[in-house]
Each structure stands twice: as C-alpha cells, then as structure tokens.
C-alpha atoms as a PDB file:
ATOM      1  CA  UNK A   1      14.493   0.471-198.069  1.00  0.00           C
ATOM      2  CA  UNK A   2      12.571   3.856-198.716  1.00  0.00           C
ATOM      3  CA  UNK A   3      13.382   5.912-201.682  1.00  0.00           C
ATOM      4  CA  UNK A   4      15.399   9.084-200.433  1.00  0.00           C
ATOM      5  CA  UNK A   5      13.728  11.134-203.094  1.00  0.00           C
ATOM      6  CA  UNK A   6      10.152  10.306-201.945  1.00  0.00           C
ATOM      7  CA  UNK A   7       8.081  11.277-198.882  1.00  0.00           C
ATOM      8  CA  UNK A   8       5.725   8.879-197.070  1.00  0.00           C
ATOM      9  CA  UNK A   9       2.189  10.231-196.404  1.00  0.00           C
ATOM     10  CA  UNK A  10      -1.167   8.790-195.633  1.00  0.00           C
ATOM     11  CA  UNK A  11      -4.645   9.869-196.991  1.00  0.00           C
ATOM     12  CA  UNK A  12      -7.717   8.930-194.851  1.00  0.00           C
ATOM     13  CA  UNK A  13     -11.462   9.289-195.489  1.00  0.00           C
ATOM     14  CA  UNK A  14     -14.453   8.061-193.610  1.00  0.00           C
ATOM     15  CA  UNK A  15     -17.173   7.732-196.266  1.00  0.00           C
ATOM     16  CA  UNK A  16     -20.598   6.113-195.977  1.00  0.00           C
ATOM     17  CA  UNK A  17     -19.144   2.910-197.553  1.00  0.00           C
ATOM     18  CA  UNK A  18     -16.396   2.680-195.076  1.00  0.00           C
ATOM     19  CA  UNK A  19     -13.017   4.020-193.957  1.00  0.00           C
ATOM     20  CA  UNK A  20     -10.084   4.245-196.276  1.00  0.00           C
ATOM     21  CA  UNK A  21      -6.477   4.759-195.118  1.00  0.00           C
ATOM     22  CA  UNK A  22      -3.972   4.772-197.910  1.00  0.00           C
ATOM     23  CA  UNK A  23      -0.223   4.991-197.575  1.00  0.00           C
ATOM     24  CA  UNK A  24       1.632   6.707-200.462  1.00  0.00           C
ATOM     25  CA  UNK A  25       5.215   7.555-201.447  1.00  0.00           C
ATOM     26  CA  UNK A  26       5.246  10.901-203.249  1.00  0.00           C
ATOM     27  CA  UNK A  27       7.758  13.421-204.656  1.00  0.00           C
ATOM     28  CA  UNK A  28       8.831  16.118-202.458  1.00  0.00           C
ATOM     29  CA  UNK A  29       6.826  19.346-202.915  1.00  0.00           C
ATOM     30  CA  UNK A  30       3.705  17.387-203.776  1.00  0.00           C
ATOM     31  CA  UNK A  31       0.530  19.313-202.890  1.00  0.00           C
ATOM     32  CA  UNK A  32      -2.535  17.894-201.107  1.00  0.00           C
ATOM     33  CA  UNK A  33      -4.543  18.056-204.305  1.00  0.00           C
ATOM     34  CA  UNK A  34      -1.920  16.198-206.280  1.00  0.00           C
ATOM     35  CA  UNK A  35      -1.670  13.542-203.597  1.00  0.00           C
ATOM     36  CA  UNK A  36      -5.560  13.050-203.657  1.00  0.00           C
ATOM     37  CA  UNK A  37      -5.374  12.752-207.456  1.00  0.00           C
ATOM     38  CA  UNK A  38      -2.453  10.362-207.437  1.00  0.00           C
ATOM     39  CA  UNK A  39      -3.899   8.267-204.584  1.00  0.00           C
ATOM     40  CA  UNK A  40      -6.859   6.769-206.337  1.00  0.00           C
ATOM     41  CA  UNK A  41      -9.091   7.536-203.434  1.00  0.00           C
ATOM     42  CA  UNK A  42     -11.685   9.276-205.665  1.00  0.00           C
ATOM     43  CA  UNK A  43     -12.089   5.916-207.432  1.00  0.00           C
ATOM     44  CA  UNK A  44     -12.897   4.218-204.152  1.00  0.00           C
ATOM     45  CA  UNK A  45     -15.069   7.057-202.891  1.00  0.00           C
ATOM     46  CA  UNK A  46     -16.572   8.892-206.013  1.00  0.00           C
ATOM     47  CA  UNK A  47     -18.589  11.064-203.653  1.00  0.00           C
ATOM     48  CA  UNK A  48     -15.448  13.121-203.016  1.00  0.00           C
ATOM     49  CA  UNK A  49     -15.681  16.345-204.968  1.00  0.00           C
ATOM     50  CA  UNK A  50     -12.207  18.072-204.716  1.00  0.00           C
ATOM     51  CA  UNK A  51     -13.738  21.457-205.775  1.00  0.00           C
ATOM     52  CA  UNK A  52     -15.763  21.601-202.621  1.00  0.00           C
ATOM     53  CA  UNK A  53     -14.173  19.244-200.136  1.00  0.00           C
ATOM     54  CA  UNK A  54     -12.351  20.398-196.977  1.00  0.00           C
ATOM     55  CA  UNK A  55      -9.129  18.887-196.075  1.00  0.00           C
ATOM     56  CA  UNK A  56      -6.639  18.885-193.225  1.00  0.00           C
ATOM     57  CA  UNK A  57      -3.390  17.468-191.932  1.00  0.00           C
ATOM     58  CA  UNK A  58      -3.459  16.053-188.537  1.00  0.00           C
ATOM     59  CA  UNK A  59      -6.851  17.846-187.728  1.00  0.00           C
ATOM     60  CA  UNK A  60      -5.676  21.260-188.893  1.00  0.00           C
ATOM     61  CA  UNK A  61      -7.551  22.760-192.020  1.00  0.00           C
ATOM     62  CA  UNK A  62      -5.330  23.145-194.926  1.00  0.00           C
ATOM     63  CA  UNK A  63      -5.846  24.279-198.568  1.00  0.00           C
ATOM     64  CA  UNK A  64      -5.472  21.910-201.511  1.00  0.00           C
ATOM     65  CA  UNK A  65      -2.337  23.753-202.684  1.00  0.00           C
ATOM     66  CA  UNK A  66      -0.553  23.168-199.312  1.00  0.00           C
ATOM     67  CA  UNK A  67       2.734  21.309-199.790  1.00  0.00           C
ATOM     68  CA  UNK A  68       3.053  18.016-197.882  1.00  0.00           C
ATOM     69  CA  UNK A  69       5.855  16.974-195.636  1.00  0.00           C
ATOM     70  CA  UNK A  70       7.202  13.449-194.782  1.00  0.00           C
ATOM     71  CA  UNK A  71       4.894  11.653-192.355  1.00  0.00           C
ATOM     72  CA  UNK A  72       1.747  13.935-193.047  1.00  0.00           C
ATOM     73  CA  UNK A  73      -1.696  12.348-192.803  1.00  0.00           C
ATOM     74  CA  UNK A  74      -4.156  14.058-195.182  1.00  0.00           C
ATOM     75  CA  UNK A  75      -7.737  14.015-193.841  1.00  0.00           C
ATOM     76  CA  UNK A  76     -10.580  14.448-196.302  1.00  0.00           C
ATOM     77  CA  UNK A  77     -13.666  15.743-194.431  1.00  0.00           C
ATOM     78  CA  UNK A  78     -17.154  15.219-195.544  1.00  0.00           C
ATOM     79  CA  UNK A  79     -20.106  17.476-194.979  1.00  0.00           C
ATOM     80  CA  UNK A  80     -21.919  17.276-191.619  1.00  0.00           C
ATOM     81  CA  UNK A  81     -25.298  15.497-191.909  1.00  0.00           C
ATOM     82  CA  UNK A  82     -26.728  17.531-189.050  1.00  0.00           C
ATOM     83  CA  UNK A  83     -25.888  20.922-187.385  1.00  0.00           C
ATOM     84  CA  UNK A  84     -24.060  19.829-184.132  1.00  0.00           C
ATOM     85  CA  UNK A  85     -25.782  22.586-182.019  1.00  0.00           C
ATOM     86  CA  UNK A  86     -29.264  21.466-183.277  1.00  0.00           C
ATOM     87  CA  UNK A  87     -28.390  17.824-182.466  1.00  0.00           C
ATOM     88  CA  UNK A  88     -27.327  18.718-178.977  1.00  0.00           C
ATOM     89  CA  UNK A  89     -30.426  20.579-178.406  1.00  0.00           C
ATOM     90  CA  UNK A  90     -32.579  17.669-179.542  1.00  0.00           C
ATOM     91  CA  UNK A  91     -30.713  15.329-177.248  1.00  0.00           C
ATOM     92  CA  UNK A  92     -31.031  17.689-174.297  1.00  0.00           C
ATOM     93  CA  UNK A  93     -34.793  18.057-174.996  1.00  0.00           C
ATOM     94  CA  UNK A  94     -35.191  14.279-175.211  1.00  0.00           C
ATOM     95  CA  UNK A  95     -33.419  13.850-171.800  1.00  0.00           C
ATOM     96  CA  UNK A  96     -35.693  16.445-170.194  1.00  0.00           C
ATOM     97  CA  UNK A  97     -38.811  14.678-171.534  1.00  0.00           C
ATOM     98  CA  UNK A  98     -37.504  11.383-170.397  1.00  0.00           C
ATOM     99  CA  UNK A  99     -36.451  12.424-166.907  1.00  0.00           C
END
C-alpha cells in the first residue's frame, strides 16, 4: 500500500552506458534537484553534472528547483553530439550524391 505522505515519480536518463528508469517515492514538495540527488542516478551515470544538465518533466523543460507532483517523470537530457541542422544537411547532401 503506498504511503499517503509520499509521491511516486520516475527519473529517466539515456546515457552512453545504457538507459536508466528509476521509480521513487518522495516527500511532497520535493524538487527535481533533490529527487536526482536522492535517486542515486549520479552513482549509476557519473557523467551527469547537475550544474549544467538540462531537465524536464514529460518533455517540458524545467528548472532544478521545480517542485514535483505525483506521477511526474523527470527526464535528464544530455548534450547533443551533433548539431541537428548540420546532420540533416549532411544526410541530404549524401542522398543527392547517391541519387
């Protein structure tokens, strides 16, 4: 039986070493930063730097001090490896050369 004084949230991160999806029960009024710290995800993915990382809840960017609600899924975003526009230009150029 879930604790009435806790909220259920998830934290997900897709790192180079794999994908982590952690379920947590936290106190109400917990912030995203507190959830990340309490989850242990940084131990699993030490490349996560909370001072520069971008985070969101269900695909919407949030700040680390945003308060969580029951059922939220925190998403930790990593930096892009390549500029999406440049990657698309390269693919289009490759298709032109091949065709």
